[in-house]
Amino acid sequence: MENLLELINRILDARDETVTAFADRIGVNRLTVTRWKASLPAPETLRRIAADLAIPYSHVVMSALASAGYATCPADLLAGQQVRVITRCGDPFDEPAGAAVDAMFTDPARASEYLRVASAIAPDADIEESVVTIDSTEIPDTVRVFTTVWSSRTDQIHQPVTLCGSRPARLQDREVTDVQATALADSDLVFSLQVDSLTAEAGRTALMAVIDTLRRQGRLLPPGVDPYPGLSRSVAYALNAANRSAPQAMPSPGPIFGGAALQTVPSTFAGARSYDSDAAASGQQDPSAVWPATRQFFVDLPG
């Protein structure tokens, strides 16, 4: 938050003006201006400063209070104050839909007059006035969920974060979920691993333990090998998206691997095939591309 001297210097520098010339215009000397770094001028002086610098009087007052040590941030002056907010809801068939803030006022009389005029000009619009208290709303409680993902294509781990309004059911009684693996059905080689956790460290630790175990067992697809050879990127994305939803859609367990149930995912997906047709028509896909059958399963954590 700027003190008064910083505010004055910033504006004078932008105008390429001197402090001496400014001081002469408002009826003080240059030394007096330099003292405003840590002092509070009289109200009439503050109004002359605002008029000369062509800025709102409130800006000058805030900076002056900062100079005198009465305020260290805008919240010291604004928190708890009430403003009148005018919102407008247009035709629901118009874009963008929803309410938009039309104006805000500190003066209730000006807010009421604006509401009266705006409603007369646009009688079909839903224009409303509400009273808002600054800084009175608490930030909603959230839970951060870390999704730690490994791919054989790059042999690297990335960890996007999602904000949730409440603790997800899959993490209700634990800090980290089971690690979900996706493997090629014909070779059982894993090319994708994913785990959700409440902390970044827990997710990375769980995934690294599974990667180390599967690597020792020779169950990982070698780095750089494309699990979807010949398929366009859009098709591979659609196929992978379909695979990710398979465990919930297919409850029947298959063979057992590492203590977790295997589930076979069909090798054709309607959504992916639509991408397939578009890619083939545009020449982006190898005509010899195949649809590899994949399956997903949960891997027991070592130990």
C-alpha atoms as a PDB file:
ATOM      1  CA  MET A   1       0.000   0.000   0.000  1.00  0.00           C
ATOM      2  CA  GLU A   2       1.517   3.331  -1.092  1.00  0.00           C
ATOM      3  CA  ASN A   3       2.169   6.080   1.412  1.00  0.00           C
ATOM      4  CA  LEU A   4       1.290   9.637   0.435  1.00  0.00           C
ATOM      5  CA  LEU A   5       4.753  10.609  -0.773  1.00  0.00           C
ATOM      6  CA  GLU A   6       4.991   7.462  -2.936  1.00  0.00           C
ATOM      7  CA  LEU A   7       1.604   8.234  -4.466  1.00  0.00           C
ATOM      8  CA  ILE A   8       2.599  11.813  -5.269  1.00  0.00           C
ATOM      9  CA  ASN A   9       5.985  10.852  -6.720  1.00  0.00           C
ATOM     10  CA  ARG A  10       4.476   8.120  -8.914  1.00  0.00           C
ATOM     11  CA  ILE A  11       1.961  10.466 -10.500  1.00  0.00           C
ATOM     12  CA  LEU A  12       4.421  13.340 -10.872  1.00  0.00           C
ATOM     13  CA  ASP A  13       6.966  11.010 -12.512  1.00  0.00           C
ATOM     14  CA  ALA A  14       4.311   9.874 -14.997  1.00  0.00           C
ATOM     15  CA  ARG A  15       3.606  13.525 -15.797  1.00  0.00           C
ATOM     16  CA  ASP A  16       7.297  14.386 -15.911  1.00  0.00           C
ATOM     17  CA  GLU A  17       6.721  17.110 -13.310  1.00  0.00           C
ATOM     18  CA  THR A  18       8.814  18.195 -10.334  1.00  0.00           C
ATOM     19  CA  VAL A  19       7.888  18.075  -6.649  1.00  0.00           C
ATOM     20  CA  THR A  20       8.788  21.754  -6.374  1.00  0.00           C
ATOM     21  CA  ALA A  21       6.263  22.768  -9.022  1.00  0.00           C
ATOM     22  CA  PHE A  22       3.617  20.570  -7.403  1.00  0.00           C
ATOM     23  CA  ALA A  23       4.294  22.069  -3.946  1.00  0.00           C
ATOM     24  CA  ASP A  24       3.956  25.607  -5.333  1.00  0.00           C
ATOM     25  CA  ARG A  25       0.574  24.787  -6.871  1.00  0.00           C
ATOM     26  CA  ILE A  26      -0.944  23.490  -3.622  1.00  0.00           C
ATOM     27  CA  GLY A  27       0.593  26.210  -1.445  1.00  0.00           C
ATOM     28  CA  VAL A  28       3.346  24.361   0.463  1.00  0.00           C
ATOM     29  CA  ASN A  29       7.116  24.051   0.097  1.00  0.00           C
ATOM     30  CA  ARG A  30       9.100  21.071  -1.179  1.00  0.00           C
ATOM     31  CA  LEU A  31      10.354  20.093   2.286  1.00  0.00           C
ATOM     32  CA  THR A  32       6.782  19.824   3.552  1.00  0.00           C
ATOM     33  CA  VAL A  33       5.930  17.386   0.759  1.00  0.00           C
ATOM     34  CA  THR A  34       8.879  15.126   1.625  1.00  0.00           C
ATOM     35  CA  ARG A  35       7.646  14.973   5.261  1.00  0.00           C
ATOM     36  CA  TRP A  36       4.372  13.413   4.116  1.00  0.00           C
ATOM     37  CA  LYS A  37       6.134  10.081   3.944  1.00  0.00           C
ATOM     38  CA  ALA A  38       5.426   9.709   7.669  1.00  0.00           C
ATOM     39  CA  SER A  39       2.902  12.381   8.567  1.00  0.00           C
ATOM     40  CA  LEU A  40      -0.780  13.161   8.071  1.00  0.00           C
ATOM     41  CA  PRO A  41      -1.608  16.503   6.370  1.00  0.00           C
ATOM     42  CA  ALA A  42      -4.727  18.501   7.188  1.00  0.00           C
ATOM     43  CA  PRO A  43      -7.973  17.531   5.403  1.00  0.00           C
ATOM     44  CA  GLU A  44      -8.010  20.684   3.257  1.00  0.00           C
ATOM     45  CA  THR A  45      -4.457  19.918   2.103  1.00  0.00           C
ATOM     46  CA  LEU A  46      -5.479  16.392   1.146  1.00  0.00           C
ATOM     47  CA  ARG A  47      -8.305  17.765  -0.964  1.00  0.00           C
ATOM     48  CA  ARG A  48      -5.931  20.152  -2.762  1.00  0.00           C
ATOM     49  CA  ILE A  49      -3.612  17.192  -3.441  1.00  0.00           C
ATOM     50  CA  ALA A  50      -6.466  15.130  -4.902  1.00  0.00           C
ATOM     51  CA  ALA A  51      -7.602  18.029  -7.101  1.00  0.00           C
ATOM     52  CA  ASP A  52      -4.104  18.765  -8.392  1.00  0.00           C
ATOM     53  CA  LEU A  53      -3.296  15.111  -9.120  1.00  0.00           C
ATOM     54  CA  ALA A  54      -6.791  14.524 -10.597  1.00  0.00           C
ATOM     55  CA  ILE A  55      -7.404  11.388  -8.562  1.00  0.00           C
ATOM     56  CA  PRO A  56     -10.242  10.420  -6.186  1.00  0.00           C
ATOM     57  CA  TYR A  57     -10.009  11.963  -2.719  1.00  0.00           C
ATOM     58  CA  SER A  58     -10.365   8.482  -1.207  1.00  0.00           C
ATOM     59  CA  HIS A  59      -7.058   7.426  -2.790  1.00  0.00           C
ATOM     60  CA  VAL A  60      -5.273  10.351  -1.175  1.00  0.00           C
ATOM     61  CA  VAL A  61      -6.845   9.672   2.220  1.00  0.00           C
ATOM     62  CA  MET A  62      -5.848   6.004   2.123  1.00  0.00           C
ATOM     63  CA  SER A  63      -2.253   6.860   1.256  1.00  0.00           C
ATOM     64  CA  ALA A  64      -2.136   9.548   3.942  1.00  0.00           C
ATOM     65  CA  LEU A  65      -3.385   7.078   6.571  1.00  0.00           C
ATOM     66  CA  ALA A  66      -0.698   4.650   5.432  1.00  0.00           C
ATOM     67  CA  SER A  67       1.929   7.375   5.890  1.00  0.00           C
ATOM     68  CA  ALA A  68       0.719   8.038   9.440  1.00  0.00           C
ATOM     69  CA  GLY A  69       0.686   4.329  10.294  1.00  0.00           C
ATOM     70  CA  TYR A  70      -3.095   4.032  10.618  1.00  0.00           C
ATOM     71  CA  ALA A  71      -3.418   1.543   7.757  1.00  0.00           C
ATOM     72  CA  THR A  72      -1.114  -1.055   6.249  1.00  0.00           C
ATOM     73  CA  CYS A  73      -3.446  -2.505   3.582  1.00  0.00           C
ATOM     74  CA  PRO A  74      -6.805  -1.659   1.941  1.00  0.00           C
ATOM     75  CA  ALA A  75      -8.608  -4.115   4.229  1.00  0.00           C
ATOM     76  CA  ASP A  76      -7.770  -1.916   7.232  1.00  0.00           C
ATOM     77  CA  LEU A  77     -10.081   0.703   5.739  1.00  0.00           C
ATOM     78  CA  LEU A  78     -12.558  -1.237   3.617  1.00  0.00           C
ATOM     79  CA  ALA A  79     -13.263  -4.514   5.427  1.00  0.00           C
ATOM     80  CA  GLY A  80     -16.747  -4.476   6.936  1.00  0.00           C
ATOM     81  CA  GLN A  81     -17.915  -1.499   4.882  1.00  0.00           C
ATOM     82  CA  GLN A  82     -21.110  -1.913   2.880  1.00  0.00           C
ATOM     83  CA  VAL A  83     -21.626  -1.175  -0.816  1.00  0.00           C
ATOM     84  CA  ARG A  84     -24.715  -1.302  -3.000  1.00  0.00           C
ATOM     85  CA  VAL A  85     -24.354  -3.735  -5.902  1.00  0.00           C
ATOM     86  CA  ILE A  86     -26.628  -3.516  -8.934  1.00  0.00           C
ATOM     87  CA  THR A  87     -26.960  -6.762 -10.905  1.00  0.00           C
ATOM     88  CA  ARG A  88     -28.673  -7.345 -14.227  1.00  0.00           C
ATOM     89  CA  CYS A  89     -30.160 -10.574 -15.550  1.00  0.00           C
ATOM     90  CA  GLY A  90     -30.940 -10.360 -19.239  1.00  0.00           C
ATOM     91  CA  ASP A  91     -32.868 -12.697 -21.494  1.00  0.00           C
ATOM     92  CA  PRO A  92     -31.986 -16.289 -20.466  1.00  0.00           C
ATOM     93  CA  PHE A  93     -31.652 -17.164 -24.152  1.00  0.00           C
ATOM     94  CA  ASP A  94     -28.984 -14.500 -24.650  1.00  0.00           C
ATOM     95  CA  GLU A  95     -25.287 -15.255 -24.286  1.00  0.00           C
ATOM     96  CA  PRO A  96     -23.704 -15.113 -21.847  1.00  0.00           C
ATOM     97  CA  ALA A  97     -26.468 -16.242 -19.556  1.00  0.00           C
ATOM     98  CA  GLY A  98     -26.696 -15.397 -15.876  1.00  0.00           C
ATOM     99  CA  ALA A  99     -26.433 -12.281 -13.764  1.00  0.00           C
ATOM    100  CA  ALA A 100     -23.790  -9.628 -14.320  1.00  0.00           C
ATOM    101  CA  VAL A 101     -22.713  -6.775 -12.088  1.00  0.00           C
ATOM    102  CA  ASP A 102     -23.924  -3.500 -13.579  1.00  0.00           C
ATOM    103  CA  ALA A 103     -22.595  -1.046 -10.994  1.00  0.00           C
ATOM    104  CA  MET A 104     -21.534  -0.559  -7.382  1.00  0.00           C
ATOM    105  CA  PHE A 105     -22.184   2.443  -5.164  1.00  0.00           C
ATOM    106  CA  THR A 106     -21.231   3.604  -1.680  1.00  0.00           C
ATOM    107  CA  ASP A 107     -24.141   6.068  -1.607  1.00  0.00           C
ATOM    108  CA  PRO A 108     -27.571   4.403  -1.157  1.00  0.00           C
ATOM    109  CA  ALA A 109     -29.326   7.348  -2.837  1.00  0.00           C
ATOM    110  CA  ARG A 110     -27.186   7.055  -5.995  1.00  0.00           C
ATOM    111  CA  ALA A 111     -27.767   3.289  -6.081  1.00  0.00           C
ATOM    112  CA  SER A 112     -31.547   3.762  -5.890  1.00  0.00           C
ATOM    113  CA  GLU A 113     -31.483   6.410  -8.625  1.00  0.00           C
ATOM    114  CA  TYR A 114     -29.373   4.203 -10.888  1.00  0.00           C
ATOM    115  CA  LEU A 115     -31.786   1.310 -10.318  1.00  0.00           C
ATOM    116  CA  ARG A 116     -34.779   3.502 -11.184  1.00  0.00           C
ATOM    117  CA  VAL A 117     -33.233   4.830 -14.401  1.00  0.00           C
ATOM    118  CA  ALA A 118     -31.797   1.486 -15.548  1.00  0.00           C
ATOM    119  CA  SER A 119     -35.146  -0.260 -15.002  1.00  0.00           C
ATOM    120  CA  ALA A 120     -36.937   2.397 -17.026  1.00  0.00           C
ATOM    121  CA  ILE A 121     -34.483   2.167 -19.911  1.00  0.00           C
ATOM    122  CA  ALA A 122     -34.520  -1.667 -20.003  1.00  0.00           C
ATOM    123  CA  PRO A 123     -37.947  -2.770 -18.690  1.00  0.00           C
ATOM    124  CA  ASP A 124     -37.452  -6.381 -19.827  1.00  0.00           C
ATOM    125  CA  ALA A 125     -34.234  -6.841 -17.847  1.00  0.00           C
ATOM    126  CA  ASP A 126     -34.238  -8.104 -14.281  1.00  0.00           C
ATOM    127  CA  ILE A 127     -32.239  -5.434 -12.439  1.00  0.00           C
ATOM    128  CA  GLU A 128     -31.803  -5.737  -8.691  1.00  0.00           C
ATOM    129  CA  GLU A 129     -30.003  -3.962  -5.870  1.00  0.00           C
ATOM    130  CA  SER A 130     -28.329  -5.792  -3.008  1.00  0.00           C
ATOM    131  CA  VAL A 131     -26.196  -4.766  -0.079  1.00  0.00           C
ATOM    132  CA  VAL A 132     -22.779  -6.416   0.134  1.00  0.00           C
ATOM    133  CA  THR A 133     -20.401  -6.232   3.067  1.00  0.00           C
ATOM    134  CA  ILE A 134     -16.773  -6.160   1.955  1.00  0.00           C
ATOM    135  CA  ASP A 135     -14.650  -9.116   3.095  1.00  0.00           C
ATOM    136  CA  SER A 136     -17.561 -10.680   4.991  1.00  0.00           C
ATOM    137  CA  THR A 137     -17.654 -13.886   2.964  1.00  0.00           C
ATOM    138  CA  GLU A 138     -15.430 -16.759   4.004  1.00  0.00           C
ATOM    139  CA  ILE A 139     -13.550 -18.715   1.366  1.00  0.00           C
ATOM    140  CA  PRO A 140     -15.263 -22.127   0.993  1.00  0.00           C
ATOM    141  CA  ASP A 141     -13.591 -25.099   2.598  1.00  0.00           C
ATOM    142  CA  THR A 142     -11.956 -27.326   0.023  1.00  0.00           C
ATOM    143  CA  VAL A 143     -10.024 -30.551  -0.150  1.00  0.00           C
ATOM    144  CA  ARG A 144      -7.066 -30.834  -2.504  1.00  0.00           C
ATOM    145  CA  VAL A 145      -6.864 -34.167  -4.315  1.00  0.00           C
ATOM    146  CA  PHE A 146      -3.585 -35.030  -6.021  1.00  0.00           C
ATOM    147  CA  THR A 147      -3.813 -37.361  -9.018  1.00  0.00           C
ATOM    148  CA  THR A 148      -0.399 -38.877  -9.616  1.00  0.00           C
ATOM    149  CA  VAL A 149      -0.022 -40.381 -13.084  1.00  0.00           C
ATOM    150  CA  TRP A 150       2.752 -42.365 -14.760  1.00  0.00           C
ATOM    151  CA  SER A 151       2.938 -43.150 -18.477  1.00  0.00           C
ATOM    152  CA  SER A 152       5.265 -45.626 -20.150  1.00  0.00           C
ATOM    153  CA  ARG A 153       5.459 -43.415 -23.239  1.00  0.00           C
ATOM    154  CA  THR A 154       7.553 -40.832 -21.369  1.00  0.00           C
ATOM    155  CA  ASP A 155       8.465 -42.848 -18.265  1.00  0.00           C
ATOM    156  CA  GLN A 156       7.678 -39.738 -16.225  1.00  0.00           C
ATOM    157  CA  ILE A 157       5.306 -38.805 -13.417  1.00  0.00           C
ATOM    158  CA  HIS A 158       3.028 -35.780 -13.419  1.00  0.00           C
ATOM    159  CA  GLN A 159       0.690 -34.705 -10.632  1.00  0.00           C
ATOM    160  CA  PRO A 160      -2.293 -32.431 -11.374  1.00  0.00           C
ATOM    161  CA  VAL A 161      -4.339 -31.132  -8.434  1.00  0.00           C
ATOM    162  CA  THR A 162      -8.138 -30.907  -8.162  1.00  0.00           C
ATOM    163  CA  LEU A 163     -10.075 -28.833  -5.627  1.00  0.00           C
ATOM    164  CA  CYS A 164     -13.125 -30.624  -4.200  1.00  0.00           C
ATOM    165  CA  GLY A 165     -15.860 -29.228  -2.006  1.00  0.00           C
ATOM    166  CA  SER A 166     -15.649 -32.219   0.314  1.00  0.00           C
ATOM    167  CA  ARG A 167     -13.503 -35.274   0.838  1.00  0.00           C
ATOM    168  CA  PRO A 168     -14.174 -37.723  -2.025  1.00  0.00           C
ATOM    169  CA  ALA A 169     -15.759 -41.035  -1.104  1.00  0.00           C
ATOM    170  CA  ARG A 170     -12.740 -42.938  -2.405  1.00  0.00           C
ATOM    171  CA  LEU A 171     -10.588 -41.137   0.156  1.00  0.00           C
ATOM    172  CA  GLN A 172     -13.002 -41.080   3.088  1.00  0.00           C
ATOM    173  CA  ASP A 173     -11.078 -43.471   5.298  1.00  0.00           C
ATOM    174  CA  ARG A 174      -7.587 -43.266   3.852  1.00  0.00           C
ATOM    175  CA  GLU A 175      -4.998 -40.834   2.551  1.00  0.00           C
ATOM    176  CA  VAL A 176      -4.243 -42.617  -0.710  1.00  0.00           C
ATOM    177  CA  THR A 177      -6.280 -44.869  -3.015  1.00  0.00           C
ATOM    178  CA  ASP A 178      -5.145 -48.120  -4.548  1.00  0.00           C
ATOM    179  CA  VAL A 179      -2.978 -47.658  -7.620  1.00  0.00           C
ATOM    180  CA  GLN A 180      -4.934 -48.251 -10.821  1.00  0.00           C
ATOM    181  CA  ALA A 181      -3.031 -49.856 -13.684  1.00  0.00           C
ATOM    182  CA  THR A 182      -3.895 -50.090 -17.376  1.00  0.00           C
ATOM    183  CA  ALA A 183      -2.229 -52.893 -19.329  1.00  0.00           C
ATOM    184  CA  LEU A 184      -2.293 -54.388 -22.800  1.00  0.00           C
ATOM    185  CA  ALA A 185      -4.474 -57.484 -22.624  1.00  0.00           C
ATOM    186  CA  ASP A 186      -2.289 -59.625 -24.878  1.00  0.00           C
ATOM    187  CA  SER A 187       0.968 -59.073 -22.997  1.00  0.00           C
ATOM    188  CA  ASP A 188      -0.141 -57.843 -19.550  1.00  0.00           C
ATOM    189  CA  LEU A 189       2.447 -55.070 -19.886  1.00  0.00           C
ATOM    190  CA  VAL A 190       1.366 -51.974 -17.952  1.00  0.00           C
ATOM    191  CA  PHE A 191       1.556 -48.642 -19.776  1.00  0.00           C
ATOM    192  CA  SER A 192      -0.349 -46.366 -17.377  1.00  0.00           C
ATOM    193  CA  LEU A 193      -0.591 -45.994 -13.595  1.00  0.00           C
ATOM    194  CA  GLN A 194      -2.739 -43.618 -11.583  1.00  0.00           C
ATOM    195  CA  VAL A 195      -3.439 -42.967  -7.904  1.00  0.00           C
ATOM    196  CA  ASP A 196      -5.369 -40.307  -5.971  1.00  0.00           C
ATOM    197  CA  SER A 197      -4.180 -38.940  -2.638  1.00  0.00           C
ATOM    198  CA  LEU A 198      -4.706 -36.127  -0.147  1.00  0.00           C
ATOM    199  CA  THR A 199      -1.036 -35.149  -0.192  1.00  0.00           C
ATOM    200  CA  ALA A 200       1.451 -34.932  -3.020  1.00  0.00           C
ATOM    201  CA  GLU A 201       4.009 -36.987  -1.116  1.00  0.00           C
ATOM    202  CA  ALA A 202       1.620 -39.856  -0.366  1.00  0.00           C
ATOM    203  CA  GLY A 203       0.589 -40.193  -4.016  1.00  0.00           C
ATOM    204  CA  ARG A 204       4.138 -40.059  -5.333  1.00  0.00           C
ATOM    205  CA  THR A 205       5.372 -42.548  -2.714  1.00  0.00           C
ATOM    206  CA  ALA A 206       2.586 -45.035  -3.519  1.00  0.00           C
ATOM    207  CA  LEU A 207       3.101 -44.769  -7.261  1.00  0.00           C
ATOM    208  CA  MET A 208       6.892 -45.066  -7.064  1.00  0.00           C
ATOM    209  CA  ALA A 209       6.570 -48.216  -4.939  1.00  0.00           C
ATOM    210  CA  VAL A 210       4.302 -49.831  -7.548  1.00  0.00           C
ATOM    211  CA  ILE A 211       6.524 -48.718 -10.433  1.00  0.00           C
ATOM    212  CA  ASP A 212       9.585 -50.228  -8.750  1.00  0.00           C
ATOM    213  CA  THR A 213       7.747 -53.489  -8.098  1.00  0.00           C
ATOM    214  CA  LEU A 214       6.350 -53.847 -11.620  1.00  0.00           C
ATOM    215  CA  ARG A 215       9.683 -52.881 -13.145  1.00  0.00           C
ATOM    216  CA  ARG A 216      11.463 -55.619 -11.192  1.00  0.00           C
ATOM    217  CA  GLN A 217       8.807 -58.078 -12.361  1.00  0.00           C
ATOM    218  CA  GLY A 218       9.241 -56.973 -15.981  1.00  0.00           C
ATOM    219  CA  ARG A 219       5.577 -55.995 -16.197  1.00  0.00           C
ATOM    220  CA  LEU A 220       6.024 -52.426 -17.542  1.00  0.00           C
ATOM    221  CA  LEU A 221       5.815 -51.498 -21.208  1.00  0.00           C
ATOM    222  CA  PRO A 222       9.274 -50.216 -22.207  1.00  0.00           C
ATOM    223  CA  PRO A 223       9.679 -46.421 -22.258  1.00  0.00           C
ATOM    224  CA  GLY A 224       8.976 -44.804 -25.600  1.00  0.00           C
ATOM    225  CA  VAL A 225       6.823 -47.682 -26.873  1.00  0.00           C
ATOM    226  CA  ASP A 226       3.438 -46.440 -28.074  1.00  0.00           C
ATOM    227  CA  PRO A 227       0.641 -48.573 -26.572  1.00  0.00           C
ATOM    228  CA  TYR A 228      -1.610 -47.468 -29.448  1.00  0.00           C
ATOM    229  CA  PRO A 229       0.625 -47.843 -32.530  1.00  0.00           C
ATOM    230  CA  GLY A 230      -0.754 -46.227 -35.658  1.00  0.00           C
ATOM    231  CA  LEU A 231      -3.695 -44.558 -33.943  1.00  0.00           C
ATOM    232  CA  SER A 232      -4.161 -40.821 -34.166  1.00  0.00           C
ATOM    233  CA  ARG A 233      -3.720 -38.836 -30.959  1.00  0.00           C
ATOM    234  CA  SER A 234      -7.458 -38.075 -30.757  1.00  0.00           C
ATOM    235  CA  VAL A 235      -8.325 -41.764 -31.052  1.00  0.00           C
ATOM    236  CA  ALA A 236      -5.805 -42.742 -28.394  1.00  0.00           C
ATOM    237  CA  TYR A 237      -7.260 -40.109 -26.085  1.00  0.00           C
ATOM    238  CA  ALA A 238     -10.806 -41.405 -26.602  1.00  0.00           C
ATOM    239  CA  LEU A 239      -9.674 -44.974 -26.064  1.00  0.00           C
ATOM    240  CA  ASN A 240      -7.849 -44.090 -22.881  1.00  0.00           C
ATOM    241  CA  ALA A 241     -10.836 -42.099 -21.585  1.00  0.00           C
ATOM    242  CA  ALA A 242     -13.074 -45.095 -22.149  1.00  0.00           C
ATOM    243  CA  ASN A 243     -10.599 -47.333 -20.355  1.00  0.00           C
ATOM    244  CA  ARG A 244     -10.517 -45.058 -17.318  1.00  0.00           C
ATOM    245  CA  SER A 245     -14.255 -45.439 -16.746  1.00  0.00           C
ATOM    246  CA  ALA A 246     -14.218 -49.218 -17.262  1.00  0.00           C
ATOM    247  CA  PRO A 247     -13.763 -50.426 -13.646  1.00  0.00           C
ATOM    248  CA  GLN A 248     -16.995 -48.765 -12.542  1.00  0.00           C
ATOM    249  CA  ALA A 249     -18.885 -49.843 -15.638  1.00  0.00           C
ATOM    250  CA  MET A 250     -17.695 -53.466 -15.545  1.00  0.00           C
ATOM    251  CA  PRO A 251     -17.939 -54.927 -12.048  1.00  0.00           C
ATOM    252  CA  SER A 252     -17.257 -58.516 -13.061  1.00  0.00           C
ATOM    253  CA  PRO A 253     -13.740 -59.491 -11.932  1.00  0.00           C
ATOM    254  CA  GLY A 254     -11.355 -61.335 -14.179  1.00  0.00           C
ATOM    255  CA  PRO A 255      -8.151 -63.178 -13.326  1.00  0.00           C
ATOM    256  CA  ILE A 256      -6.111 -62.176 -10.282  1.00  0.00           C
ATOM    257  CA  PHE A 257      -2.867 -60.252 -10.688  1.00  0.00           C
ATOM    258  CA  GLY A 258      -0.826 -59.084  -7.742  1.00  0.00           C
ATOM    259  CA  GLY A 259      -3.750 -59.657  -5.411  1.00  0.00           C
ATOM    260  CA  ALA A 260      -6.112 -57.367  -7.334  1.00  0.00           C
ATOM    261  CA  ALA A 261      -8.958 -58.235  -9.678  1.00  0.00           C
ATOM    262  CA  LEU A 262      -8.332 -57.821 -13.393  1.00  0.00           C
ATOM    263  CA  GLN A 263     -11.056 -56.491 -15.638  1.00  0.00           C
ATOM    264  CA  THR A 264     -11.069 -56.771 -19.420  1.00  0.00           C
ATOM    265  CA  VAL A 265     -12.027 -53.699 -21.411  1.00  0.00           C
ATOM    266  CA  PRO A 266     -13.678 -54.213 -24.817  1.00  0.00           C
ATOM    267  CA  SER A 267     -11.454 -53.346 -27.734  1.00  0.00           C
ATOM    268  CA  THR A 268     -14.054 -51.151 -29.443  1.00  0.00           C
ATOM    269  CA  PHE A 269     -15.686 -47.979 -28.193  1.00  0.00           C
ATOM    270  CA  ALA A 270     -18.345 -45.975 -30.000  1.00  0.00           C
ATOM    271  CA  GLY A 271     -16.853 -42.620 -29.044  1.00  0.00           C
ATOM    272  CA  ALA A 272     -13.367 -43.630 -30.023  1.00  0.00           C
ATOM    273  CA  ARG A 273     -14.558 -45.052 -33.316  1.00  0.00           C
ATOM    274  CA  SER A 274     -16.099 -41.705 -34.262  1.00  0.00           C
ATOM    275  CA  TYR A 275     -12.699 -40.102 -33.729  1.00  0.00           C
ATOM    276  CA  ASP A 276     -11.206 -43.000 -35.682  1.00  0.00           C
ATOM    277  CA  SER A 277     -13.374 -42.280 -38.731  1.00  0.00           C
ATOM    278  CA  ASP A 278     -12.532 -38.582 -38.693  1.00  0.00           C
ATOM    279  CA  ALA A 279      -8.812 -39.269 -38.362  1.00  0.00           C
ATOM    280  CA  ALA A 280      -8.817 -41.828 -41.136  1.00  0.00           C
ATOM    281  CA  ALA A 281     -10.695 -39.483 -43.465  1.00  0.00           C
ATOM    282  CA  SER A 282      -8.178 -36.703 -42.844  1.00  0.00           C
ATOM    283  CA  GLY A 283      -5.201 -38.982 -43.370  1.00  0.00           C
ATOM    284  CA  GLN A 284      -3.979 -38.599 -39.772  1.00  0.00           C
ATOM    285  CA  GLN A 285      -4.204 -42.284 -38.971  1.00  0.00           C
ATOM    286  CA  ASP A 286      -2.250 -45.258 -40.186  1.00  0.00           C
ATOM    287  CA  PRO A 287      -4.626 -47.591 -42.101  1.00  0.00           C
ATOM    288  CA  SER A 288      -2.895 -50.543 -40.423  1.00  0.00           C
ATOM    289  CA  ALA A 289      -3.788 -49.259 -36.943  1.00  0.00           C
ATOM    290  CA  VAL A 290      -5.240 -51.814 -34.571  1.00  0.00           C
ATOM    291  CA  TRP A 291      -7.470 -51.468 -31.553  1.00  0.00           C
ATOM    292  CA  PRO A 292      -5.515 -53.087 -28.713  1.00  0.00           C
ATOM    293  CA  ALA A 293      -7.572 -54.726 -26.007  1.00  0.00           C
ATOM    294  CA  THR A 294      -6.647 -53.344 -22.625  1.00  0.00           C
ATOM    295  CA  ARG A 295      -7.590 -54.107 -19.062  1.00  0.00           C
ATOM    296  CA  GLN A 296      -7.468 -52.272 -15.799  1.00  0.00           C
ATOM    297  CA  PHE A 297      -6.798 -53.499 -12.308  1.00  0.00           C
ATOM    298  CA  PHE A 298      -5.751 -52.255  -8.900  1.00  0.00           C
ATOM    299  CA  VAL A 299      -2.263 -53.098  -7.701  1.00  0.00           C
ATOM    300  CA  ASP A 300      -1.657 -53.961  -4.061  1.00  0.00           C
ATOM    301  CA  LEU A 301       0.858 -51.641  -2.449  1.00  0.00           C
ATOM    302  CA  PRO A 302       4.107 -53.449  -1.577  1.00  0.00           C
ATOM    303  CA  GLY A 303       4.416 -54.403   2.073  1.00  0.00           C
END
